[in-house]
């Protein structure tokens, strides 16, 4: 996945002239940096995504067409299974994280459309991960599906209050998970 774009590439993605992109960059509306020792401007992917969302520019020209899924679980067998099955489906680009802290780092870098998040993690529980993501406006559009085998109804209610979009009890059918992911990430 491309992480830094030229003004020409941004112009093509946003369907505007390169001069418009340069004006937005120079005015500070589009964040980026200049290549040291030159006049060339570069725009990081996260800045471009924020700019496109702020200006209601459709994201499909930037997207690979695949939805980005971050699976967060401390159980290697579950991570391996979900990684294999979601990638085999063909509609998803999948990354994995083994804890809440790593999930935060990967969310910054990968910009997932959806988190499949285990509730009971060794470092930071799913509740705190949800609250942290929901407190950051850059992650407002990320959908969160909590998966757990041990959450009781009160905990599920707390997770929804913290920002979870859905909850699935382990064990679950992969087809059900895929259906829920697609339901959450498809444009309405």
Protein backbone atom coordinates (compact mmCIF):
# COMPACT_ATOMS: atom_id res chain seq x y z
CA UNK A 1 0.00 0.00 0.00
CA UNK A 2 1.35 3.41 -1.00
CA UNK A 3 2.03 5.63 2.03
CA UNK A 4 3.30 8.90 0.48
CA UNK A 5 1.94 10.66 -2.62
CA UNK A 6 3.13 13.36 -5.02
CA UNK A 7 0.90 16.35 -5.79
CA UNK A 8 0.26 14.86 -9.25
CA UNK A 9 -0.91 11.58 -7.73
CA UNK A 10 -3.14 13.43 -5.27
CA UNK A 11 -4.62 15.47 -8.14
CA UNK A 12 -5.46 12.27 -10.01
CA UNK A 13 -6.94 10.59 -6.92
CA UNK A 14 -9.04 13.64 -6.00
CA UNK A 15 -10.01 14.46 -9.60
CA UNK A 16 -8.71 18.06 -9.41
CA UNK A 17 -5.85 19.91 -11.04
CA UNK A 18 -2.34 19.63 -9.67
CA UNK A 19 -2.38 23.40 -9.15
CA UNK A 20 -5.42 23.02 -6.85
CA UNK A 21 -3.52 20.43 -4.81
CA UNK A 22 -0.51 22.74 -4.57
CA UNK A 23 -2.73 25.62 -3.40
CA UNK A 24 -4.33 23.40 -0.75
CA UNK A 25 -0.88 22.24 0.38
CA UNK A 26 0.57 25.77 0.49
CA UNK A 27 -2.44 27.12 2.42
CA UNK A 28 -2.17 24.31 5.01
CA UNK A 29 -5.48 22.65 4.10
CA UNK A 30 -3.61 19.57 2.89
CA UNK A 31 -0.87 18.48 5.29
CA UNK A 32 2.43 17.15 4.04
CA UNK A 33 6.11 17.98 3.72
CA UNK A 34 8.63 19.26 1.21
CA UNK A 35 11.42 17.03 0.00
CA UNK A 36 14.60 18.48 1.53
CA UNK A 37 16.65 20.46 -0.98
CA UNK A 38 13.84 20.70 -3.54
CA UNK A 39 10.49 22.34 -4.18
CA UNK A 40 8.67 18.99 -4.36
CA UNK A 41 5.76 18.40 -2.00
CA UNK A 42 4.76 15.01 -0.57
CA UNK A 43 1.52 14.06 1.13
CA UNK A 44 1.37 11.13 3.61
CA UNK A 45 -1.55 8.73 3.21
CA UNK A 46 -3.16 9.61 6.56
CA UNK A 47 -3.11 13.33 5.67
CA UNK A 48 -4.64 12.59 2.28
CA UNK A 49 -7.36 10.45 3.86
CA UNK A 50 -8.20 13.20 6.36
CA UNK A 51 -8.28 15.81 3.57
CA UNK A 52 -10.52 13.63 1.41
CA UNK A 53 -12.95 12.97 4.27
CA UNK A 54 -13.06 16.66 5.29
CA UNK A 55 -13.88 17.65 1.72
CA UNK A 56 -16.28 14.78 0.95
CA UNK A 57 -14.03 13.40 -1.78
CA UNK A 58 -14.87 9.75 -2.52
CA UNK A 59 -12.19 7.38 -1.24
CA UNK A 60 -12.58 4.72 -3.92
CA UNK A 61 -9.73 6.09 -6.10
CA UNK A 62 -7.37 5.76 -3.14
CA UNK A 63 -8.59 2.37 -2.05
CA UNK A 64 -7.39 -0.91 -3.46
CA UNK A 65 -11.00 -1.98 -3.46
CA UNK A 66 -10.29 -4.23 -0.51
CA UNK A 67 -11.49 -3.36 2.97
CA UNK A 68 -8.70 -3.11 5.53
CA UNK A 69 -9.26 -5.33 8.57
CA UNK A 70 -7.14 -5.31 11.72
CA UNK A 71 -7.58 -8.46 13.81
CA UNK A 72 -6.53 -8.03 17.45
CA UNK A 73 -6.19 -11.13 19.61
CA UNK A 74 -3.54 -12.65 21.86
CA UNK A 75 -4.35 -16.21 20.70
CA UNK A 76 -2.00 -17.09 17.82
CA UNK A 77 -4.33 -19.85 16.56
CA UNK A 78 -7.23 -17.39 16.22
CA UNK A 79 -5.00 -14.79 14.56
CA UNK A 80 -3.70 -17.33 12.05
CA UNK A 81 -7.16 -18.68 11.30
CA UNK A 82 -8.79 -15.27 10.83
CA UNK A 83 -5.87 -13.97 8.77
CA UNK A 84 -6.03 -16.96 6.43
CA UNK A 85 -9.83 -17.08 6.09
CA UNK A 86 -10.35 -13.33 5.64
CA UNK A 87 -7.54 -13.04 3.08
CA UNK A 88 -8.80 -16.12 1.22
CA UNK A 89 -12.20 -14.38 0.90
CA UNK A 90 -10.47 -11.85 -1.41
CA UNK A 91 -12.33 -8.73 -0.29
CA UNK A 92 -10.03 -7.90 2.61
CA UNK A 93 -6.51 -6.73 3.29
CA UNK A 94 -5.72 -8.08 6.75
CA UNK A 95 -3.17 -7.23 9.42
CA UNK A 96 -2.91 -8.61 12.94
CA UNK A 97 -1.99 -7.27 16.37
CA UNK A 98 -1.43 -9.30 19.52
CA UNK A 99 -2.47 -6.73 22.13
CA UNK A 100 -4.15 -3.41 22.74
CA UNK A 101 -0.98 -1.35 22.56
CA UNK A 102 0.07 -2.96 19.28
CA UNK A 103 -3.48 -2.40 17.98
CA UNK A 104 -3.10 1.33 18.60
CA UNK A 105 0.19 1.45 16.72
CA UNK A 106 -1.18 -0.63 13.83
CA UNK A 107 -4.32 1.52 13.64
CA UNK A 108 -2.16 4.63 13.12
CA UNK A 109 -0.11 2.94 10.42
CA UNK A 110 -2.69 0.74 8.64
CA UNK A 111 -5.84 2.91 8.93
CA UNK A 112 -8.22 -0.08 9.03
CA UNK A 113 -11.86 0.10 8.02
CA UNK A 114 -12.72 -2.40 10.74
CA UNK A 115 -11.16 -3.84 13.91
CA UNK A 116 -12.01 -7.37 14.94
CA UNK A 117 -11.04 -6.94 18.57
CA UNK A 118 -10.77 -9.54 21.32
CA UNK A 119 -12.24 -8.22 24.55
CA UNK A 120 -9.79 -9.89 26.95
CA UNK A 121 -6.26 -8.83 25.97
CA UNK A 122 -3.17 -9.22 28.16
CA UNK A 123 -2.18 -5.53 28.20
CA UNK A 124 -5.19 -3.28 27.51
CA UNK A 125 -8.75 -4.61 27.45
CA UNK A 126 -11.12 -4.10 24.54
CA UNK A 127 -13.12 -1.52 26.47
CA UNK A 128 -10.11 0.79 26.79
CA UNK A 129 -9.08 0.21 23.16
CA UNK A 130 -12.60 1.26 22.05
CA UNK A 131 -12.57 4.39 24.22
CA UNK A 132 -9.10 5.37 23.01
CA UNK A 133 -10.04 4.98 19.34
CA UNK A 134 -13.34 6.81 19.74
CA UNK A 135 -11.56 9.72 21.47
CA UNK A 136 -9.47 10.29 18.31
CA UNK A 137 -11.43 12.03 15.50
CA UNK A 138 -9.08 10.48 12.91
CA UNK A 139 -10.53 7.08 13.78
CA UNK A 140 -14.21 8.07 13.82
CA UNK A 141 -15.02 5.96 10.76
CA UNK A 142 -13.37 2.75 11.97
CA UNK A 143 -15.93 0.06 12.78
CA UNK A 144 -15.21 -2.15 15.79
CA UNK A 145 -16.45 -5.72 16.26
CA UNK A 146 -15.66 -7.17 19.69
CA UNK A 147 -15.15 -10.92 19.88
CA UNK A 148 -15.11 -12.76 23.20
CA UNK A 149 -16.06 -16.01 24.82
CA UNK A 150 -16.42 -14.61 28.32
CA UNK A 151 -18.24 -11.23 28.26
CA UNK A 152 -21.50 -11.06 30.19
CA UNK A 153 -24.48 -8.86 29.14
CA UNK A 154 -23.36 -5.95 31.38
CA UNK A 155 -19.86 -6.03 29.85
CA UNK A 156 -21.35 -6.11 26.35
CA UNK A 157 -23.43 -3.03 27.19
CA UNK A 158 -20.30 -1.28 28.49
CA UNK A 159 -18.40 -2.17 25.30
CA UNK A 160 -21.17 -0.68 23.15
CA UNK A 161 -21.10 2.44 25.32
CA UNK A 162 -17.32 2.59 24.83
CA UNK A 163 -17.79 2.62 21.06
CA UNK A 164 -18.03 -0.98 19.85
CA UNK A 165 -20.30 -1.32 16.81
CA UNK A 166 -20.99 -5.03 17.23
CA UNK A 167 -20.27 -8.02 19.46
CA UNK A 168 -19.76 -11.69 18.57
CA UNK A 169 -19.41 -14.52 21.04
CA UNK A 170 -16.64 -17.08 20.45
CA UNK A 171 -16.82 -19.55 18.86
CA UNK A 172 -18.47 -18.06 15.76
CA UNK A 173 -18.85 -18.94 12.10
CA UNK A 174 -16.44 -17.12 9.77
CA UNK A 175 -19.32 -16.47 7.34
CA UNK A 176 -21.19 -14.64 10.11
CA UNK A 177 -18.12 -12.52 10.88
CA UNK A 178 -17.62 -11.65 7.21
CA UNK A 179 -21.29 -10.70 6.87
CA UNK A 180 -21.07 -8.41 9.89
CA UNK A 181 -17.84 -6.80 8.67
CA UNK A 182 -19.36 -6.11 5.27
CA UNK A 183 -22.55 -4.76 6.82
CA UNK A 184 -20.53 -2.30 8.92
CA UNK A 185 -18.02 -1.11 6.29
CA UNK A 186 -20.21 -0.85 3.20
CA UNK A 187 -21.25 2.71 2.33
CA UNK A 188 -24.86 3.45 3.19
